[in-house]
Amino acid sequence: MRNSIQKLGKKIKERREILHLLQSQLADLSGISVRTIQLIEQGKANPSLETLLKLSDPLGLNLEFLLKQPIAKSNIK
């Protein structure tokens, strides 16, 4: 579970940086606090669905992309 939260945070951070947004700018656009964004990006917070929805719009991402985990090669037969 922890690994999934870290991957989610990494996706959010990477997209924010691609868009050249500061955490404070994303906070203004999404209505989510800077501290919460920091914790999510560090993989230290498990964001609610509501929080992900608020973040996904200004980042131009859909929830499927944020929540989808790649299939591990070891699980493919």
Protein backbone atom coordinates (compact mmCIF):
# COMPACT_ATOMS: atom_id res chain seq x y z
CA MET A 1 0.00 0.00 0.00
CA ARG A 2 2.78 2.39 0.93
CA ASN A 3 4.47 1.84 -2.43
CA SER A 4 1.22 2.72 -4.23
CA ILE A 5 0.91 5.98 -2.29
CA GLN A 6 4.50 6.86 -3.14
CA LYS A 7 3.91 6.16 -6.85
CA LEU A 8 0.80 8.33 -6.79
CA GLY A 9 2.74 11.19 -5.20
CA LYS A 10 5.48 10.83 -7.78
CA LYS A 11 2.97 11.05 -10.65
CA ILE A 12 1.45 14.20 -9.19
CA LYS A 13 4.83 15.83 -8.62
CA GLU A 14 6.13 14.94 -12.09
CA ARG A 15 3.03 16.36 -13.77
CA ARG A 16 3.18 19.54 -11.67
CA GLU A 17 6.80 20.04 -12.67
CA ILE A 18 6.04 19.37 -16.36
CA LEU A 19 3.47 22.17 -16.16
CA HIS A 20 6.03 24.41 -14.39
CA LEU A 21 3.71 24.89 -11.43
CA LEU A 22 4.92 25.61 -7.94
CA GLN A 23 3.23 23.76 -5.12
CA SER A 24 1.70 27.07 -4.04
CA GLN A 25 0.24 27.59 -7.53
CA LEU A 26 -1.26 24.12 -7.55
CA ALA A 27 -2.69 24.82 -4.12
CA ASP A 28 -4.38 27.98 -5.41
CA LEU A 29 -5.76 26.20 -8.47
CA SER A 30 -7.02 23.14 -6.60
CA GLY A 31 -8.06 24.50 -3.22
CA ILE A 32 -5.77 21.97 -1.51
CA SER A 33 -3.27 23.28 1.02
CA VAL A 34 0.41 23.48 0.15
CA ARG A 35 1.22 21.23 3.11
CA THR A 36 -1.19 18.55 1.90
CA ILE A 37 0.34 18.70 -1.58
CA GLN A 38 3.81 18.36 -0.05
CA LEU A 39 2.76 15.30 1.95
CA ILE A 40 1.10 13.68 -1.06
CA GLU A 41 4.14 14.27 -3.27
CA GLN A 42 6.41 12.81 -0.58
CA GLY A 43 4.22 9.71 -0.34
CA LYS A 44 3.37 10.50 3.27
CA ALA A 45 -0.35 11.15 2.80
CA ASN A 46 -3.09 8.95 1.41
CA PRO A 47 -5.32 11.47 -0.37
CA SER A 48 -9.07 11.06 -0.45
CA LEU A 49 -10.95 10.69 -3.70
CA GLU A 50 -12.20 14.26 -3.28
CA THR A 51 -8.62 15.54 -2.97
CA LEU A 52 -7.54 13.62 -6.06
CA LEU A 53 -10.45 15.06 -8.01
CA LYS A 54 -9.47 18.58 -6.97
CA LEU A 55 -5.85 17.97 -8.01
CA SER A 56 -6.59 16.17 -11.27
CA ASP A 57 -8.29 19.07 -13.04
CA PRO A 58 -5.52 21.70 -12.81
CA LEU A 59 -2.97 19.00 -13.61
CA GLY A 60 -4.93 17.89 -16.67
CA LEU A 61 -4.96 14.29 -15.48
CA ASN A 62 -7.77 11.81 -15.10
CA LEU A 63 -8.29 9.61 -12.08
CA GLU A 64 -7.63 6.44 -14.05
CA PHE A 65 -4.09 7.62 -14.82
CA LEU A 66 -3.47 8.62 -11.21
CA LEU A 67 -4.80 5.42 -9.69
CA LYS A 68 -3.71 2.85 -12.24
CA GLN A 69 -0.73 0.77 -11.24
CA PRO A 70 1.34 -0.95 -13.91
CA ILE A 71 1.13 -4.72 -13.96
CA ALA A 72 4.27 -6.26 -12.56
CA LYS A 73 6.03 -8.45 -15.12
CA SER A 74 6.28 -11.23 -12.55
CA ASN A 75 2.44 -11.39 -12.45
CA ILE A 76 2.13 -11.97 -16.21
CA LYS A 77 2.05 -15.60 -17.27
